């Protein structure tokens, strides 16, 4: 059985992480939007001849490598927050179901 204290902790967590969740998502989405710009700038700065060589050099550039690492970290951080929030939502939903069934006399 899930205690009332545990549900209160879950609700409090959900309320307190709204802003952090939104910030993690907006940072991740913002980085997604930057990929083409960073890659394009690296291609323009490439001294290679031929489009494939320019793109290969751009994908190995310092700017693109840094962007990729930042993006991977942002996705990781967003997923952690989202997964924790989903877990707390599950606790709340289970508590609701249990209490609803208890009131109906099913338990």
Protein backbone atom coordinates (compact mmCIF):
# COMPACT_ATOMS: atom_id res chain seq x y z
CA UNK A 1 0.00 0.00 0.00
CA UNK A 2 1.16 3.53 -0.73
CA UNK A 3 1.08 5.81 2.28
CA UNK A 4 -0.42 9.28 2.31
CA UNK A 5 3.03 10.65 3.14
CA UNK A 6 4.48 9.00 0.04
CA UNK A 7 1.77 10.52 -2.15
CA UNK A 8 2.38 13.94 -0.61
CA UNK A 9 6.06 13.56 -1.43
CA UNK A 10 5.17 12.68 -5.03
CA UNK A 11 2.80 15.62 -5.42
CA UNK A 12 5.37 17.98 -3.90
CA UNK A 13 8.03 16.67 -6.30
CA UNK A 14 5.73 17.20 -9.28
CA UNK A 15 4.95 20.78 -8.24
CA UNK A 16 8.58 21.63 -7.54
CA UNK A 17 9.95 20.23 -10.80
CA UNK A 18 7.61 21.90 -13.30
CA UNK A 19 10.09 24.67 -14.05
CA UNK A 20 13.13 22.38 -14.15
CA UNK A 21 11.33 20.01 -16.50
CA UNK A 22 10.42 22.88 -18.82
CA UNK A 23 13.97 24.25 -18.73
CA UNK A 24 15.50 20.85 -19.50
CA UNK A 25 13.16 20.41 -22.45
CA UNK A 26 13.67 23.92 -23.82
CA UNK A 27 17.46 23.55 -23.59
CA UNK A 28 17.30 20.24 -25.46
CA UNK A 29 14.98 21.63 -28.17
CA UNK A 30 17.12 24.75 -28.50
CA UNK A 31 20.19 22.64 -29.11
CA UNK A 32 18.29 20.61 -31.72
CA UNK A 33 17.62 23.84 -33.61
CA UNK A 34 21.32 24.77 -33.54
CA UNK A 35 22.61 21.65 -35.27
CA UNK A 36 22.12 22.79 -38.86
CA UNK A 37 23.60 26.21 -38.15
CA UNK A 38 26.71 24.80 -36.49
CA UNK A 39 27.17 22.18 -39.19
CA UNK A 40 26.61 24.77 -41.93
CA UNK A 41 29.15 27.16 -40.45
CA UNK A 42 31.70 24.36 -40.15
CA UNK A 43 31.11 23.40 -43.81
CA UNK A 44 31.57 27.03 -44.89
CA UNK A 45 34.83 27.24 -42.91
CA UNK A 46 36.14 23.98 -44.36
CA UNK A 47 39.10 24.17 -46.68
CA UNK A 48 38.36 20.75 -48.18
CA UNK A 49 37.24 20.41 -51.78
CA UNK A 50 34.07 18.49 -52.51
CA UNK A 51 30.85 18.46 -50.54
CA UNK A 52 31.40 15.07 -48.91
CA UNK A 53 34.86 16.02 -47.69
CA UNK A 54 33.59 19.35 -46.37
CA UNK A 55 30.74 17.65 -44.51
CA UNK A 56 33.04 14.98 -43.08
CA UNK A 57 35.42 17.65 -41.82
CA UNK A 58 32.51 19.68 -40.42
CA UNK A 59 31.13 16.68 -38.50
CA UNK A 60 34.55 16.25 -36.91
CA UNK A 61 35.03 19.93 -36.16
CA UNK A 62 35.49 21.16 -32.61
CA UNK A 63 32.27 23.21 -32.72
CA UNK A 64 30.14 20.31 -33.96
CA UNK A 65 31.74 17.85 -31.53
CA UNK A 66 31.02 20.24 -28.65
CA UNK A 67 27.44 20.72 -29.85
CA UNK A 68 26.93 16.95 -30.06
CA UNK A 69 28.24 16.44 -26.50
CA UNK A 70 26.04 19.27 -25.19
CA UNK A 71 23.02 17.84 -27.00
CA UNK A 72 23.61 14.33 -25.66
CA UNK A 73 23.93 15.73 -22.12
CA UNK A 74 20.74 17.78 -22.57
CA UNK A 75 18.78 14.74 -23.77
CA UNK A 76 20.14 12.70 -20.86
CA UNK A 77 19.18 15.34 -18.30
CA UNK A 78 15.73 15.80 -19.82
CA UNK A 79 15.07 12.06 -19.80
CA UNK A 80 16.11 11.77 -16.14
CA UNK A 81 13.67 14.48 -15.11
CA UNK A 82 10.91 13.07 -17.31
CA UNK A 83 11.42 9.54 -16.00
CA UNK A 84 11.36 10.68 -12.38
CA UNK A 85 8.19 12.65 -13.01
CA UNK A 86 6.61 9.63 -14.70
CA UNK A 87 7.51 7.49 -11.69
CA UNK A 88 5.93 9.96 -9.28
CA UNK A 89 2.83 10.15 -11.47
CA UNK A 90 2.58 6.37 -11.30
CA UNK A 91 2.73 6.48 -7.49
CA UNK A 92 -0.09 9.03 -7.43
CA UNK A 93 -2.20 7.04 -9.90
CA UNK A 94 -1.72 3.79 -7.96
CA UNK A 95 -2.70 5.54 -4.72
CA UNK A 96 -5.82 6.94 -6.39
CA UNK A 97 -6.84 3.53 -7.73
CA UNK A 98 -6.26 1.86 -4.39
CA UNK A 99 -8.27 4.48 -2.51
CA UNK A 100 -11.07 4.41 -5.09
CA UNK A 101 -11.34 0.65 -4.80
CA UNK A 102 -11.23 0.88 -1.01
CA UNK A 103 -14.14 3.34 -1.00
CA UNK A 104 -16.14 1.07 -3.28
CA UNK A 105 -15.53 -1.84 -0.94
CA UNK A 106 -13.43 -3.82 -3.41
CA UNK A 107 -10.52 -4.10 -0.98
